[in-house]
Amino acid sequence: MHPFEHSIEYLASLQDLETKLNRAIAGAYPAASTFYAKVGVLFFRWANDDIGVEPAEDRLAWVLQNIYGYEVSRVVIPSDHNSKRMVIGALLDMINEYDKPNSLSIVIYSGHARGNANQCLWSGTIDSAVTVDWLLVRRIVGYQDHDMLEILDCCYAAVAAIDSPTEVLVSSSQESVAGFEPEHNFTMALADILENSGGRAMTVAQIHAKLVRNADKYRLEATPVHAQLGNELSGSICLARLGDAGAGNFEVPDSMEIQIVVTAYLQGHSLPPDFKEWNRFLRSAVPRNLRHMDIKIEAHSLVNTGLALLQFSVPLPVFSVLKAIGPFRYLCVAHSSNLFLRPTVSSAIHPPREEEYCPRPPIELENRPSRPATPAGGRPAVLADVLRRQGTPRDRPQTPQNEDASC
C-alpha cells in the first residue's frame, strides 16, 4: 500500500466518485420533492444600529413576504441587558411554530459582528459593550428536526459556518470585513436576486453562485460564503414561492455559471484510459432528470501518485454541496476547459512561425589580456612605466608663471 494512503482522504472507487457526484448534482438544483409547505422568516437588527441596515431589511422582507409568500417577523434587539433574552425567546417561538415536517425556518441578521473560532458577537455599534454571541445562543436553543437556514450580513460572518447544524449563507469569510453601503450591500443584492427570480425555485447553492458571479455588479466588498455541513444528506435548501410545488418552475443552470476546478485522490485499478472516456464517465454522474440542463462537468488532469490524483471542474452550486460530502478540495476557478486538448484555441502568447524564427547569433567574448600582477611597490608594472616616462610631479618641468602656457 502506498504511504500516501495513510495520510490523505481518498475515494475508494469509481463507483464512490460517481455516487457522490450524483448526490451533489441532485442536491445543488431544485426538485419538486424539496418544496416546503410552510416557511417562516425571522429578522434581527439592533435598536442602536449605526450603519443603517433597516432599508435593506425592508426590501428583503417585502420580497420574501409578497413574492414568495413567507411569514415574516422582525425583531429589534435592545441595546441593554435584555438583548440575549429577546433573541433566545424569539428563536424558541419560531422553532415551536415551525418544528414540523416539510417546514423551513430562516434566520436573517444584519449589523455589526466580531468574532473568532469560538464566538460570533453581534453588536449595534462596532465598539458596543452589549453583544449577543450567536454561536452560544445557537447552542442554548438547539435546533430540531426541521430545516433551518441562517443568513448573516456582517463582518467575519463565516465564523457561524464552523460546525453549524444548519445551512448557512453569509456575506463574508472568517477573516474579512463585509462592508455596508445603503444601496450596495449583501442584503440588497440578495433581495435583488430573489426579486428577479419571480419566486422561481432556487437552491441556496444557486443563490450563492449568483451572488459570487455578480459581486462586482453589486459592489460587494467581500465574497459571500455558503456552507451546509448540517444538511449534506438532503442537499441544499430550496427557496420557492409557496404553492408552486410540482409546477416545474425552476431556476435552471446556464453556461455562465462559475466553474470550480476540484481535486480528489482516487483508488482504483480500472480507470478510464483517456480524457474522452473520463468526460463520458463524469457526465454519466448527472442524474437522469437533470440531463436536459446545461450542467458542465469536465476532466482536467489525472496523475499517478500511487493513488490517482484527479482534477475536474464542476459548476459552483455543485461544488458547494460536493465539498460537504466527500474528500474534494478547491483548486481554482476555471476560465476555460483544458487548453492542452484544444490546440486550435488561440493563446495570449503566440509563438512565431518557423520561417519567422531567427535565432540571435552567439555573442563572442572579447579576448582581453590578463591584468599584470602588481609588484611589491604597490603599482602595476604598466602604470609604473608610464609614470616613469612622464616624470613624477617633482621631476616635471614647471611652467613659468609670467609666460603664456598656450601654444
Protein backbone atom coordinates (compact mmCIF):
# COMPACT_ATOMS: atom_id res chain seq x y z
CA MET A 1 0.00 0.00 0.00
CA HIS A 2 1.29 3.46 -0.89
CA PRO A 3 2.23 5.54 2.19
CA PHE A 4 0.04 8.44 1.00
CA GLU A 5 -3.00 6.28 1.63
CA HIS A 6 -2.36 6.57 5.38
CA SER A 7 -2.22 10.38 5.41
CA ILE A 8 -4.87 11.64 3.00
CA GLU A 9 -8.55 11.08 2.39
CA TYR A 10 -9.42 9.42 -0.89
CA LEU A 11 -12.32 7.98 -2.83
CA ALA A 12 -12.49 4.21 -2.61
CA SER A 13 -13.52 3.55 -6.21
CA LEU A 14 -15.02 4.93 -9.40
CA GLN A 15 -18.42 3.94 -8.05
CA ASP A 16 -17.76 6.03 -4.93
CA LEU A 17 -16.89 9.04 -7.09
CA GLU A 18 -19.97 8.57 -9.27
CA THR A 19 -22.29 8.23 -6.25
CA LYS A 20 -21.00 11.39 -4.56
CA LEU A 21 -21.12 13.40 -7.78
CA ASN A 22 -24.67 12.22 -8.38
CA ARG A 23 -25.73 13.28 -4.88
CA ALA A 24 -24.01 16.66 -5.18
CA ILE A 25 -25.60 17.49 -8.53
CA ALA A 26 -29.04 16.39 -7.35
CA GLY A 27 -28.62 18.44 -4.17
CA ALA A 28 -27.43 21.59 -5.95
CA TYR A 29 -30.52 22.07 -8.11
CA PRO A 30 -34.23 22.15 -7.20
CA ALA A 31 -36.64 19.26 -7.47
CA ALA A 32 -40.36 19.10 -6.68
CA SER A 33 -39.67 16.93 -3.62
CA THR A 34 -37.66 19.74 -1.97
CA PHE A 35 -40.50 22.29 -1.79
CA TYR A 36 -41.84 23.37 1.62
CA ALA A 37 -45.44 23.74 2.74
CA LYS A 38 -44.67 26.38 5.38
CA VAL A 39 -41.80 28.87 5.66
CA GLY A 40 -41.14 31.42 8.40
CA VAL A 41 -38.56 34.22 8.36
CA LEU A 42 -37.16 35.94 11.46
CA PHE A 43 -35.17 39.19 11.00
CA PHE A 44 -32.82 40.59 13.65
CA ARG A 45 -31.28 44.09 13.81
CA TRP A 46 -30.22 46.37 16.66
CA ALA A 47 -32.09 49.34 18.14
CA ASN A 48 -28.80 51.29 18.23
CA ASP A 49 -27.73 50.22 14.72
CA ASP A 50 -25.36 52.89 13.36
CA ILE A 51 -24.87 51.69 9.77
CA GLY A 52 -28.44 51.94 8.51
CA VAL A 53 -29.47 48.35 7.77
CA GLU A 54 -33.22 48.98 8.00
CA PRO A 55 -33.86 49.96 4.32
CA ALA A 56 -32.10 46.81 3.06
CA GLU A 57 -34.01 44.70 5.58
CA ASP A 58 -37.27 46.35 4.47
CA ARG A 59 -36.68 45.38 0.86
CA LEU A 60 -35.69 41.77 1.55
CA ALA A 61 -38.65 41.34 3.93
CA TRP A 62 -41.01 42.69 1.24
CA VAL A 63 -39.66 40.26 -1.38
CA LEU A 64 -39.94 37.23 0.90
CA GLN A 65 -43.42 38.16 2.07
CA ASN A 66 -45.04 39.39 -1.15
CA ILE A 67 -43.30 37.38 -3.88
CA TYR A 68 -42.52 34.15 -2.01
CA GLY A 69 -45.48 34.18 0.38
CA TYR A 70 -43.41 33.53 3.50
CA GLU A 71 -44.44 34.55 7.01
CA VAL A 72 -42.13 37.33 8.17
CA SER A 73 -41.35 38.51 11.72
CA ARG A 74 -38.92 41.29 12.62
CA VAL A 75 -37.14 41.75 15.95
CA VAL A 76 -35.30 44.89 17.04
CA ILE A 77 -32.68 43.88 19.62
CA PRO A 78 -32.46 46.30 22.59
CA SER A 79 -29.00 47.62 23.45
CA ASP A 80 -29.25 46.59 27.10
CA HIS A 81 -29.11 43.50 29.33
CA ASN A 82 -32.32 42.14 27.75
CA SER A 83 -30.68 41.60 24.36
CA LYS A 84 -29.77 37.92 24.76
CA ARG A 85 -33.11 37.10 26.35
CA MET A 86 -35.03 38.65 23.46
CA VAL A 87 -33.01 36.81 20.79
CA ILE A 88 -33.35 33.45 22.56
CA GLY A 89 -37.07 33.97 23.14
CA ALA A 90 -37.75 34.86 19.51
CA LEU A 91 -35.82 31.80 18.29
CA LEU A 92 -37.68 29.46 20.63
CA ASP A 93 -41.01 30.85 19.45
CA MET A 94 -40.02 30.23 15.83
CA ILE A 95 -38.85 26.69 16.49
CA ASN A 96 -42.07 25.85 18.30
CA GLU A 97 -44.08 27.21 15.37
CA TYR A 98 -42.14 25.59 12.53
CA ASP A 99 -40.78 22.38 14.01
CA LYS A 100 -42.97 20.30 11.73
CA PRO A 101 -42.32 18.09 8.70
CA ASN A 102 -41.95 19.96 5.41
CA SER A 103 -41.37 23.29 7.17
CA LEU A 104 -38.48 25.74 6.92
CA SER A 105 -37.20 28.44 9.29
CA ILE A 106 -34.98 31.28 8.05
CA VAL A 107 -32.99 33.49 10.45
CA ILE A 108 -31.59 36.74 8.99
CA TYR A 109 -29.25 39.17 10.79
CA SER A 110 -27.82 42.49 9.57
CA GLY A 111 -25.42 44.59 11.61
CA HIS A 112 -22.00 44.63 13.22
CA ALA A 113 -20.17 41.49 14.32
CA ARG A 114 -16.76 40.46 15.53
CA GLY A 115 -15.51 37.06 16.50
CA ASN A 116 -13.09 34.15 16.41
CA ALA A 117 -13.33 30.39 16.08
CA ASN A 118 -15.47 30.18 19.23
CA GLN A 119 -17.56 33.37 19.10
CA CYS A 120 -19.69 35.39 16.69
CA LEU A 121 -20.55 38.54 18.64
CA TRP A 122 -23.39 40.65 17.25
CA SER A 123 -23.50 44.31 18.29
CA GLY A 124 -25.30 47.53 17.39
CA THR A 125 -22.11 49.59 17.15
CA ILE A 126 -18.59 48.47 16.41
CA ASP A 127 -17.37 49.12 19.97
CA SER A 128 -20.56 48.34 21.90
CA ALA A 129 -20.19 46.56 25.23
CA VAL A 130 -23.61 44.95 24.73
CA THR A 131 -23.28 41.91 22.48
CA VAL A 132 -25.08 38.69 21.59
CA ASP A 133 -22.89 35.65 20.96
CA TRP A 134 -24.76 33.94 18.14
CA LEU A 135 -22.84 30.66 18.48
CA LEU A 136 -23.70 30.47 22.18
CA VAL A 137 -27.36 31.28 21.53
CA ARG A 138 -27.48 28.57 18.89
CA ARG A 139 -26.09 26.01 21.33
CA ILE A 140 -28.51 27.04 24.08
CA VAL A 141 -31.58 26.95 21.87
CA GLY A 142 -30.66 23.85 19.90
CA TYR A 143 -32.29 23.04 16.59
CA GLN A 144 -34.91 20.41 15.98
CA ASP A 145 -35.54 18.15 13.03
CA HIS A 146 -36.97 20.69 10.59
CA ASP A 147 -34.75 22.55 8.12
CA MET A 148 -33.25 25.90 9.08
CA LEU A 149 -31.30 28.46 7.06
CA GLU A 150 -29.10 31.21 8.55
CA ILE A 151 -28.39 34.35 6.51
CA LEU A 152 -25.89 36.75 8.11
CA ASP A 153 -24.86 40.12 6.70
CA CYS A 154 -21.99 41.15 8.96
CA CYS A 155 -18.21 41.10 9.25
CA TYR A 156 -16.42 37.76 9.88
CA ALA A 157 -19.76 36.06 9.23
CA ALA A 158 -18.37 32.69 8.12
CA VAL A 159 -17.45 32.00 11.76
CA ALA A 160 -21.10 30.93 12.04
CA ALA A 161 -20.50 28.19 9.47
CA ILE A 162 -17.99 26.33 11.67
CA ASP A 163 -19.68 23.09 12.77
CA SER A 164 -23.08 24.65 12.05
CA PRO A 165 -26.07 22.30 12.39
CA THR A 166 -27.87 24.36 9.71
CA GLU A 167 -27.27 25.59 6.19
CA VAL A 168 -25.55 28.98 6.18
CA LEU A 169 -25.34 31.81 3.62
CA VAL A 170 -23.19 34.73 4.78
CA SER A 171 -21.72 37.94 3.41
CA SER A 172 -18.05 37.42 4.31
CA SER A 173 -15.38 34.93 5.30
CA GLN A 174 -13.94 34.37 8.78
CA GLU A 175 -11.20 36.94 8.18
CA SER A 176 -12.90 39.62 6.07
CA VAL A 177 -14.90 42.79 6.66
CA ALA A 178 -18.25 42.74 4.87
CA GLY A 179 -18.62 46.46 4.17
CA PHE A 180 -22.01 48.17 4.03
CA GLU A 181 -23.31 50.97 1.83
CA PRO A 182 -27.02 51.91 1.81
CA GLU A 183 -27.57 50.85 -1.82
CA HIS A 184 -24.75 48.34 -2.27
CA ASN A 185 -24.62 45.55 0.29
CA PHE A 186 -25.15 41.82 0.64
CA THR A 187 -28.79 42.11 1.81
CA MET A 188 -29.75 44.38 -1.11
CA ALA A 189 -28.01 42.03 -3.56
CA LEU A 190 -29.87 39.03 -2.13
CA ALA A 191 -33.19 40.87 -2.36
CA ASP A 192 -32.47 41.80 -5.99
CA ILE A 193 -31.64 38.20 -6.99
CA LEU A 194 -34.75 36.81 -5.31
CA GLU A 195 -37.00 39.52 -6.76
CA ASN A 196 -35.65 38.98 -10.29
CA SER A 197 -36.31 35.26 -10.00
CA GLY A 198 -40.02 35.99 -9.58
CA GLY A 199 -40.37 33.25 -6.98
CA ARG A 200 -38.93 30.50 -9.20
CA ALA A 201 -37.40 27.65 -7.22
CA MET A 202 -33.70 28.16 -6.46
CA THR A 203 -31.45 26.32 -4.06
CA VAL A 204 -29.31 28.33 -1.66
CA ALA A 205 -26.30 26.92 -3.54
CA GLN A 206 -27.62 28.53 -6.74
CA ILE A 207 -28.31 31.83 -4.95
CA HIS A 208 -24.76 31.84 -3.58
CA ALA A 209 -23.37 31.25 -7.07
CA LYS A 210 -25.36 34.21 -8.41
CA LEU A 211 -24.07 36.43 -5.60
CA VAL A 212 -20.47 35.45 -6.33
CA ARG A 213 -20.84 35.84 -10.09
CA ASN A 214 -22.40 39.30 -9.73
CA ALA A 215 -20.23 40.55 -6.86
CA ASP A 216 -18.78 43.36 -8.99
CA LYS A 217 -22.22 44.42 -10.21
CA TYR A 218 -23.48 44.69 -6.63
CA ARG A 219 -20.19 46.22 -5.41
CA LEU A 220 -19.76 43.64 -2.68
CA GLU A 221 -16.58 44.21 -0.67
CA ALA A 222 -16.29 40.56 0.42
CA THR A 223 -17.02 37.24 -1.28
CA PRO A 224 -20.18 35.56 0.06
CA VAL A 225 -19.76 32.13 1.65
CA HIS A 226 -22.10 29.13 1.60
CA ALA A 227 -21.90 26.05 3.82
CA GLN A 228 -24.27 23.21 4.56
CA LEU A 229 -22.39 20.89 6.87
CA GLY A 230 -25.55 20.14 8.82
CA ASN A 231 -27.66 19.44 5.76
CA GLU A 232 -25.45 17.40 3.43
CA LEU A 233 -27.75 14.39 3.18
CA SER A 234 -30.77 16.21 1.76
CA GLY A 235 -28.97 18.72 -0.46
CA SER A 236 -29.18 22.49 -0.48
CA ILE A 237 -32.34 24.14 0.85
CA CYS A 238 -34.69 25.27 -1.91
CA LEU A 239 -36.46 28.65 -1.81
CA ALA A 240 -39.62 28.84 -3.93
CA ARG A 241 -42.93 30.66 -3.93
CA LEU A 242 -45.37 28.79 -1.70
CA GLY A 243 -47.91 26.80 -3.66
CA ASP A 244 -45.60 26.14 -6.63
CA ALA A 245 -44.69 22.57 -5.63
CA GLY A 246 -44.61 20.32 -8.66
CA ALA A 247 -45.16 23.19 -11.10
CA GLY A 248 -41.71 22.76 -12.63
CA ASN A 249 -40.98 26.48 -12.24
CA PHE A 250 -37.26 26.01 -11.57
CA GLU A 251 -34.25 28.27 -11.94
CA VAL A 252 -32.15 26.24 -14.38
CA PRO A 253 -28.34 26.34 -14.64
CA ASP A 254 -26.78 28.20 -17.54
CA SER A 255 -23.46 28.34 -19.36
CA MET A 256 -22.42 31.45 -17.39
CA GLU A 257 -22.11 29.56 -14.09
CA ILE A 258 -18.70 29.79 -12.47
CA GLN A 259 -16.71 26.56 -12.92
CA ILE A 260 -14.59 25.34 -9.99
CA VAL A 261 -11.60 23.05 -10.51
CA VAL A 262 -11.73 20.31 -7.87
CA THR A 263 -9.03 17.84 -6.84
CA ALA A 264 -9.58 14.39 -5.37
CA TYR A 265 -7.50 11.27 -4.78
CA LEU A 266 -8.98 8.10 -6.19
CA GLN A 267 -8.16 4.47 -5.52
CA GLY A 268 -8.87 2.04 -8.30
CA HIS A 269 -7.24 -0.23 -10.84
CA SER A 270 -9.71 0.08 -13.73
CA LEU A 271 -9.69 3.77 -14.57
CA PRO A 272 -10.86 5.34 -17.85
CA PRO A 273 -7.91 5.33 -20.28
CA ASP A 274 -8.18 8.87 -21.71
CA PHE A 275 -9.88 12.24 -21.39
CA LYS A 276 -12.71 11.31 -23.72
CA GLU A 277 -13.65 8.35 -21.54
CA TRP A 278 -13.17 10.37 -18.35
CA ASN A 279 -15.54 13.08 -19.59
CA ARG A 280 -18.08 10.45 -20.60
CA PHE A 281 -17.86 8.91 -17.13
CA LEU A 282 -18.18 12.26 -15.30
CA ARG A 283 -21.20 13.32 -17.33
CA SER A 284 -22.87 9.98 -16.66
CA ALA A 285 -22.97 11.01 -12.99
CA VAL A 286 -25.57 13.70 -13.77
CA PRO A 287 -28.98 12.43 -12.56
CA ARG A 288 -31.27 11.45 -15.44
CA ASN A 289 -33.92 14.01 -14.52
CA LEU A 290 -31.32 16.82 -14.83
CA ARG A 291 -29.54 15.76 -18.04
CA HIS A 292 -31.58 18.19 -20.12
CA MET A 293 -29.97 21.06 -18.18
CA ASP A 294 -26.68 22.74 -19.08
CA ILE A 295 -24.60 21.21 -16.26
CA LYS A 296 -20.97 21.20 -17.36
CA ILE A 297 -18.57 18.69 -15.79
CA GLU A 298 -15.16 18.21 -17.39
CA ALA A 299 -11.93 16.33 -16.64
CA HIS A 300 -8.71 18.37 -16.49
CA SER A 301 -5.88 16.04 -15.49
CA LEU A 302 -5.02 12.67 -13.98
CA VAL A 303 -1.69 11.99 -12.28
CA ASN A 304 -0.49 8.70 -10.82
CA THR A 305 0.79 9.37 -7.30
CA GLY A 306 0.29 5.84 -6.05
CA LEU A 307 -3.31 6.93 -5.81
CA ALA A 308 -4.81 8.66 -8.83
CA LEU A 309 -4.86 12.46 -8.41
CA LEU A 310 -7.86 13.63 -10.42
CA GLN A 311 -8.68 17.24 -11.34
CA PHE A 312 -12.06 18.09 -12.83
CA SER A 313 -14.37 21.11 -12.97
CA VAL A 314 -17.97 21.45 -11.79
CA PRO A 315 -20.39 24.40 -11.52
CA LEU A 316 -20.10 26.38 -8.28
CA PRO A 317 -23.52 25.22 -6.94
CA VAL A 318 -22.38 21.60 -7.33
CA PHE A 319 -19.08 22.29 -5.55
CA SER A 320 -20.97 23.91 -2.64
CA VAL A 321 -22.66 20.57 -2.00
CA LEU A 322 -19.77 18.33 -3.09
CA LYS A 323 -17.29 19.72 -0.54
CA ALA A 324 -19.64 18.67 2.29
CA ILE A 325 -19.98 15.03 1.27
CA GLY A 326 -16.51 13.83 0.33
CA PRO A 327 -12.74 14.45 0.14
CA PHE A 328 -12.96 17.09 -2.59
CA ARG A 329 -10.71 20.16 -2.44
CA TYR A 330 -10.97 23.54 -4.14
CA LEU A 331 -8.09 24.28 -6.53
CA CYS A 332 -9.10 27.36 -8.55
CA VAL A 333 -11.75 28.97 -10.73
CA ALA A 334 -11.65 27.65 -14.30
CA HIS A 335 -11.78 30.27 -17.04
CA SER A 336 -11.58 27.69 -19.83
CA SER A 337 -11.62 23.99 -20.49
CA ASN A 338 -8.34 22.07 -20.73
CA LEU A 339 -6.32 24.05 -23.30
CA PHE A 340 -3.91 21.16 -23.93
CA LEU A 341 -6.83 19.31 -25.51
CA ARG A 342 -7.79 22.29 -27.69
CA PRO A 343 -4.80 23.06 -29.94
CA THR A 344 -6.85 25.41 -32.13
CA VAL A 345 -7.68 27.75 -29.28
CA SER A 346 -5.65 30.95 -29.52
CA SER A 347 -3.33 31.77 -26.68
CA ALA A 348 -2.39 35.10 -25.18
CA ILE A 349 1.23 34.26 -26.17
CA HIS A 350 1.62 33.48 -29.89
CA PRO A 351 4.80 31.54 -30.80
CA PRO A 352 6.41 32.69 -34.10
CA ARG A 353 6.04 30.66 -37.27
CA GLU A 354 9.05 28.51 -38.12
CA GLU A 355 10.09 30.68 -41.08
CA GLU A 356 9.89 33.80 -38.89
CA TYR A 357 12.09 32.44 -36.16
CA CYS A 358 15.60 33.87 -36.48
CA PRO A 359 17.82 32.94 -33.56
CA ARG A 360 20.23 35.61 -32.45
CA PRO A 361 23.91 34.89 -33.25
CA PRO A 362 26.03 33.85 -30.31
CA ILE A 363 27.85 36.66 -28.56
CA GLU A 364 31.65 36.45 -28.95
CA LEU A 365 33.50 37.49 -25.85
CA GLU A 366 36.48 39.82 -26.29
CA ASN A 367 39.77 38.08 -25.53
CA ARG A 368 41.46 40.56 -23.25
CA PRO A 369 44.94 40.00 -21.81
CA SER A 370 45.03 39.25 -18.19
CA ARG A 371 45.89 42.06 -15.85
CA PRO A 372 49.58 42.11 -14.93
CA ALA A 373 50.50 41.30 -11.42
CA THR A 374 51.00 44.21 -9.03
CA PRO A 375 54.65 44.49 -7.97
CA ALA A 376 55.71 44.81 -4.39
CA GLY A 377 55.89 48.60 -4.76
CA GLY A 378 52.13 48.78 -5.00
CA ARG A 379 51.70 49.95 -8.64
CA PRO A 380 51.07 47.74 -11.66
CA ALA A 381 54.15 47.46 -13.90
CA VAL A 382 52.45 49.21 -16.87
CA LEU A 383 51.35 52.16 -14.73
CA ALA A 384 54.79 52.45 -13.17
CA ASP A 385 56.39 52.54 -16.62
CA VAL A 386 54.03 55.34 -17.81
CA LEU A 387 54.75 57.44 -14.76
CA ARG A 388 58.46 56.89 -15.25
CA ARG A 389 58.33 58.21 -18.81
CA GLN A 390 56.19 61.24 -17.85
CA GLY A 391 58.17 62.01 -14.79
CA THR A 392 56.87 62.48 -11.34
CA PRO A 393 55.31 65.86 -10.38
CA ARG A 394 58.62 66.83 -8.78
CA ASP A 395 60.69 65.97 -11.90
CA ARG A 396 58.28 67.52 -14.45
CA PRO A 397 59.41 70.99 -15.76
CA GLN A 398 57.30 73.81 -14.29
CA THR A 399 55.67 76.47 -16.49
CA PRO A 400 56.88 79.96 -15.58
CA GLN A 401 54.03 81.99 -14.21
CA ASN A 402 54.93 85.07 -16.30
CA GLU A 403 54.95 83.17 -19.61
CA ASP A 404 51.99 82.23 -21.79
CA ALA A 405 51.34 78.47 -21.50
CA SER A 406 49.38 78.32 -24.71
CA CYS A 407 50.91 77.12 -27.97
